Amino acid sequence: MEQVNSVSKLTALDRLERLPSVSSQDAMELLQCGRFRLFELLRQGRLRRAARVGRRTMVTSASVKAVMQGKRLVGRQPKPRRPDLAGDEARAAPHP
């Protein structure tokens, strides 16, 4: 069996096992989700962001494993609404 010398030749699962962090692309492949869902998991704190490599978003391998092992991916939760700064009363009252 030939030994793999380059990280680029490893599969996403191999990189998850061998490296402390994986790219967002690898994380999407492993979690079988899209980019929106991946960044939603990052916002929710279920995935942890690792140090950036250039412009590439990296995710810790430990957090990807935790989501894969039992943390069931649930449907999208609605984003909390921002409170209206002006309020309805301000729109109803005419300005002098």
N, C-alpha and C. Protein backbone atom coordinates (compact mmCIF):
# COMPACT_ATOMS: atom_id res chain seq x y z
N MET A 1 0.84 -1.17 0.00
CA MET A 1 0.00 0.00 0.00
C MET A 1 0.89 1.25 0.00
N GLU A 2 0.61 2.17 -0.89
CA GLU A 2 1.41 3.37 -1.03
C GLU A 2 1.05 4.38 0.05
N GLN A 3 2.06 4.98 0.67
CA GLN A 3 1.82 5.96 1.72
C GLN A 3 1.49 7.31 1.08
N VAL A 4 0.51 8.00 1.65
CA VAL A 4 0.10 9.30 1.12
C VAL A 4 0.98 10.37 1.74
N ASN A 5 1.68 11.13 0.89
CA ASN A 5 2.59 12.17 1.37
C ASN A 5 1.97 13.55 1.35
N SER A 6 0.98 13.77 0.55
CA SER A 6 0.40 15.09 0.40
C SER A 6 -0.97 15.16 1.07
N VAL A 7 -1.21 16.26 1.79
CA VAL A 7 -2.50 16.45 2.44
C VAL A 7 -3.61 16.56 1.41
N SER A 8 -3.31 17.13 0.25
CA SER A 8 -4.33 17.30 -0.78
C SER A 8 -4.84 15.97 -1.32
N LYS A 9 -4.07 14.89 -1.20
CA LYS A 9 -4.49 13.58 -1.69
C LYS A 9 -5.37 12.83 -0.70
N LEU A 10 -5.47 13.32 0.53
CA LEU A 10 -6.29 12.67 1.54
C LEU A 10 -7.76 12.94 1.29
N THR A 11 -8.61 12.00 1.68
CA THR A 11 -10.04 12.25 1.60
C THR A 11 -10.45 13.14 2.77
N ALA A 12 -11.65 13.68 2.71
CA ALA A 12 -12.13 14.57 3.77
C ALA A 12 -12.15 13.83 5.12
N LEU A 13 -12.52 12.55 5.11
CA LEU A 13 -12.56 11.78 6.34
C LEU A 13 -11.16 11.56 6.91
N ASP A 14 -10.18 11.32 6.04
CA ASP A 14 -8.79 11.17 6.48
C ASP A 14 -8.28 12.47 7.11
N ARG A 15 -8.60 13.60 6.45
CA ARG A 15 -8.16 14.89 6.99
C ARG A 15 -8.80 15.15 8.35
N LEU A 16 -10.05 14.73 8.51
CA LEU A 16 -10.74 14.91 9.79
C LEU A 16 -10.02 14.16 10.90
N GLU A 17 -9.54 12.97 10.59
CA GLU A 17 -8.85 12.15 11.59
C GLU A 17 -7.42 12.62 11.87
N ARG A 18 -6.74 13.16 10.86
CA ARG A 18 -5.32 13.47 11.00
C ARG A 18 -5.00 14.92 11.35
N LEU A 19 -5.88 15.84 11.02
CA LEU A 19 -5.58 17.26 11.18
C LEU A 19 -6.45 17.90 12.27
N PRO A 20 -5.97 18.95 12.92
CA PRO A 20 -6.76 19.61 13.97
C PRO A 20 -7.95 20.41 13.44
N SER A 21 -7.89 20.78 12.15
CA SER A 21 -9.00 21.52 11.56
C SER A 21 -9.16 21.12 10.10
N VAL A 22 -10.37 21.33 9.58
CA VAL A 22 -10.68 21.01 8.19
C VAL A 22 -11.28 22.26 7.55
N SER A 23 -11.23 22.32 6.24
CA SER A 23 -11.81 23.46 5.52
C SER A 23 -13.33 23.39 5.59
N SER A 24 -13.97 24.51 5.32
CA SER A 24 -15.43 24.53 5.31
C SER A 24 -15.96 23.59 4.23
N GLN A 25 -15.23 23.47 3.13
CA GLN A 25 -15.64 22.56 2.05
C GLN A 25 -15.64 21.11 2.54
N ASP A 26 -14.59 20.71 3.27
CA ASP A 26 -14.53 19.35 3.82
C ASP A 26 -15.64 19.14 4.84
N ALA A 27 -15.88 20.14 5.68
CA ALA A 27 -16.93 20.03 6.70
C ALA A 27 -18.30 19.85 6.04
N MET A 28 -18.55 20.59 4.96
CA MET A 28 -19.83 20.44 4.25
C MET A 28 -19.97 19.03 3.69
N GLU A 29 -18.88 18.50 3.15
CA GLU A 29 -18.89 17.14 2.58
C GLU A 29 -19.17 16.11 3.67
N LEU A 30 -18.49 16.26 4.81
CA LEU A 30 -18.63 15.29 5.89
C LEU A 30 -20.01 15.35 6.55
N LEU A 31 -20.55 16.56 6.70
CA LEU A 31 -21.85 16.73 7.35
C LEU A 31 -23.01 16.62 6.37
N GLN A 32 -22.68 16.50 5.10
CA GLN A 32 -23.68 16.41 4.04
C GLN A 32 -24.67 17.57 4.12
N CYS A 33 -24.10 18.76 4.17
CA CYS A 33 -24.94 19.95 4.22
C CYS A 33 -24.36 21.00 3.29
N GLY A 34 -25.10 22.05 3.10
CA GLY A 34 -24.65 23.13 2.23
C GLY A 34 -23.93 24.22 3.01
N ARG A 35 -23.51 25.21 2.28
CA ARG A 35 -22.75 26.31 2.87
C ARG A 35 -23.59 27.09 3.88
N PHE A 36 -24.84 27.36 3.54
CA PHE A 36 -25.72 28.11 4.45
C PHE A 36 -25.85 27.37 5.78
N ARG A 37 -26.11 26.08 5.72
CA ARG A 37 -26.28 25.28 6.95
C ARG A 37 -24.99 25.24 7.76
N LEU A 38 -23.85 25.14 7.09
CA LEU A 38 -22.58 25.11 7.79
C LEU A 38 -22.37 26.40 8.59
N PHE A 39 -22.59 27.54 7.94
CA PHE A 39 -22.39 28.81 8.63
C PHE A 39 -23.46 29.04 9.70
N GLU A 40 -24.63 28.46 9.51
CA GLU A 40 -25.66 28.52 10.55
C GLU A 40 -25.20 27.73 11.79
N LEU A 41 -24.59 26.57 11.59
CA LEU A 41 -24.06 25.78 12.71
C LEU A 41 -22.94 26.53 13.42
N LEU A 42 -22.14 27.26 12.66
CA LEU A 42 -21.09 28.08 13.27
C LEU A 42 -21.71 29.19 14.12
N ARG A 43 -22.74 29.85 13.59
CA ARG A 43 -23.43 30.91 14.35
C ARG A 43 -24.07 30.39 15.62
N GLN A 44 -24.63 29.17 15.55
CA GLN A 44 -25.29 28.57 16.70
C GLN A 44 -24.29 28.07 17.74
N GLY A 45 -23.03 27.97 17.37
CA GLY A 45 -22.02 27.48 18.29
C GLY A 45 -21.87 25.97 18.30
N ARG A 46 -22.55 25.27 17.41
CA ARG A 46 -22.43 23.81 17.35
C ARG A 46 -21.15 23.39 16.65
N LEU A 47 -20.63 24.27 15.79
CA LEU A 47 -19.32 24.06 15.18
C LEU A 47 -18.42 25.19 15.66
N ARG A 48 -17.14 24.89 15.76
CA ARG A 48 -16.17 25.89 16.21
C ARG A 48 -15.27 26.28 15.06
N ARG A 49 -15.08 27.57 14.93
CA ARG A 49 -14.21 28.11 13.89
C ARG A 49 -12.76 27.98 14.34
N ALA A 50 -11.89 27.54 13.46
CA ALA A 50 -10.46 27.45 13.74
C ALA A 50 -9.79 28.68 13.12
N ALA A 51 -8.48 28.77 13.29
CA ALA A 51 -7.74 29.89 12.70
C ALA A 51 -7.91 29.88 11.19
N ARG A 52 -8.02 31.05 10.62
CA ARG A 52 -8.17 31.16 9.17
C ARG A 52 -6.85 30.86 8.47
N VAL A 53 -6.96 30.32 7.29
CA VAL A 53 -5.79 30.10 6.44
C VAL A 53 -6.06 30.92 5.19
N GLY A 54 -5.45 32.10 5.13
CA GLY A 54 -5.75 33.02 4.04
C GLY A 54 -7.19 33.47 4.15
N ARG A 55 -7.96 33.28 3.09
CA ARG A 55 -9.39 33.63 3.12
C ARG A 55 -10.26 32.42 3.43
N ARG A 56 -9.64 31.27 3.64
CA ARG A 56 -10.38 30.02 3.84
C ARG A 56 -10.87 29.91 5.28
N THR A 57 -12.14 29.57 5.44
CA THR A 57 -12.70 29.33 6.77
C THR A 57 -12.39 27.90 7.17
N MET A 58 -11.79 27.74 8.33
CA MET A 58 -11.45 26.42 8.83
C MET A 58 -12.35 26.11 10.04
N VAL A 59 -12.68 24.84 10.21
CA VAL A 59 -13.55 24.38 11.29
C VAL A 59 -12.77 23.31 12.06
N THR A 60 -12.88 23.34 13.39
CA THR A 60 -12.13 22.35 14.17
C THR A 60 -12.66 20.95 13.89
N SER A 61 -11.74 20.02 13.81
CA SER A 61 -12.12 18.62 13.56
C SER A 61 -12.97 18.06 14.70
N ALA A 62 -12.65 18.45 15.92
CA ALA A 62 -13.40 17.95 17.09
C ALA A 62 -14.87 18.35 17.01
N SER A 63 -15.15 19.58 16.58
CA SER A 63 -16.55 20.02 16.52
C SER A 63 -17.30 19.32 15.39
N VAL A 64 -16.61 19.04 14.28
CA VAL A 64 -17.26 18.31 13.18
C VAL A 64 -17.58 16.89 13.64
N LYS A 65 -16.64 16.26 14.35
CA LYS A 65 -16.87 14.90 14.87
C LYS A 65 -18.05 14.89 15.84
N ALA A 66 -18.14 15.91 16.69
CA ALA A 66 -19.23 15.96 17.67
C ALA A 66 -20.58 16.05 16.98
N VAL A 67 -20.68 16.85 15.94
CA VAL A 67 -21.94 16.95 15.21
C VAL A 67 -22.25 15.65 14.50
N MET A 68 -21.21 14.99 13.95
CA MET A 68 -21.42 13.73 13.23
C MET A 68 -21.83 12.59 14.16
N GLN A 69 -21.37 12.61 15.42
CA GLN A 69 -21.56 11.46 16.30
C GLN A 69 -22.87 11.42 17.05
N GLY A 70 -23.66 12.39 17.03
CA GLY A 70 -24.88 12.25 17.80
C GLY A 70 -25.66 13.52 17.90
N LYS A 71 -25.03 14.58 17.63
CA LYS A 71 -25.76 15.83 17.64
C LYS A 71 -26.52 15.86 16.33
N ARG A 72 -27.78 15.53 16.41
CA ARG A 72 -28.61 15.45 15.21
C ARG A 72 -28.77 16.84 14.60
N LEU A 73 -28.60 16.92 13.30
CA LEU A 73 -28.80 18.20 12.62
C LEU A 73 -30.29 18.46 12.52
N VAL A 74 -30.74 19.48 13.22
CA VAL A 74 -32.16 19.82 13.21
C VAL A 74 -32.41 20.88 12.16
N GLY A 75 -33.68 21.06 11.85
CA GLY A 75 -34.05 22.07 10.86
C GLY A 75 -33.67 23.47 11.28
N ARG A 76 -33.73 24.35 10.34
CA ARG A 76 -33.32 25.73 10.57
C ARG A 76 -34.23 26.40 11.58
N GLN A 77 -33.62 27.07 12.55
CA GLN A 77 -34.39 27.82 13.53
C GLN A 77 -34.51 29.25 13.03
N PRO A 78 -35.65 29.88 13.25
CA PRO A 78 -35.79 31.25 12.75
C PRO A 78 -34.83 32.20 13.46
N LYS A 79 -34.31 33.12 12.69
CA LYS A 79 -33.39 34.11 13.24
C LYS A 79 -34.19 35.09 14.09
N PRO A 80 -33.69 35.46 15.28
CA PRO A 80 -34.45 36.39 16.10
C PRO A 80 -34.60 37.73 15.40
N ARG A 81 -35.77 38.31 15.52
CA ARG A 81 -36.05 39.57 14.86
C ARG A 81 -35.45 40.72 15.63
N ARG A 82 -34.96 41.69 14.90
CA ARG A 82 -34.44 42.89 15.53
C ARG A 82 -35.60 43.74 16.01
N PRO A 83 -35.47 44.33 17.17
CA PRO A 83 -36.56 45.21 17.61
C PRO A 83 -36.62 46.43 16.70
N ASP A 84 -37.83 46.85 16.41
CA ASP A 84 -38.02 48.02 15.56
C ASP A 84 -37.62 49.26 16.35
N LEU A 85 -36.67 50.01 15.84
CA LEU A 85 -36.14 51.15 16.58
C LEU A 85 -37.13 52.30 16.66
N ALA A 86 -37.92 52.52 15.61
CA ALA A 86 -38.85 53.64 15.61
C ALA A 86 -40.17 53.27 16.27
N GLY A 87 -40.59 52.05 16.15
CA GLY A 87 -41.88 51.63 16.72
C GLY A 87 -43.03 52.06 15.82
N ASP A 88 -44.19 51.44 16.01
CA ASP A 88 -45.38 51.76 15.20
C ASP A 88 -45.93 53.13 15.52
N GLU A 89 -45.79 53.58 16.78
CA GLU A 89 -46.34 54.86 17.18
C GLU A 89 -45.67 56.00 16.41
N ALA A 90 -44.38 55.88 16.18
CA ALA A 90 -43.65 56.94 15.50
C ALA A 90 -44.11 57.07 14.05
N ARG A 91 -44.49 55.98 13.43
CA ARG A 91 -44.97 56.04 12.05
C ARG A 91 -46.37 56.60 11.96
N ALA A 92 -47.18 56.35 12.96
CA ALA A 92 -48.57 56.80 12.93
C ALA A 92 -48.71 58.29 13.20
N ALA A 93 -47.84 58.84 14.05
CA ALA A 93 -47.94 60.26 14.40
C ALA A 93 -47.27 61.12 13.34
N PRO A 94 -47.99 62.17 12.87
CA PRO A 94 -47.38 63.05 11.86
C PRO A 94 -46.31 63.94 12.50
N HIS A 95 -45.31 64.27 11.71
CA HIS A 95 -44.24 65.16 12.18
C HIS A 95 -44.70 66.61 12.07
N PRO A 96 -44.38 67.44 13.03
CA PRO A 96 -44.81 68.86 12.96
C PRO A 96 -44.05 69.66 11.94
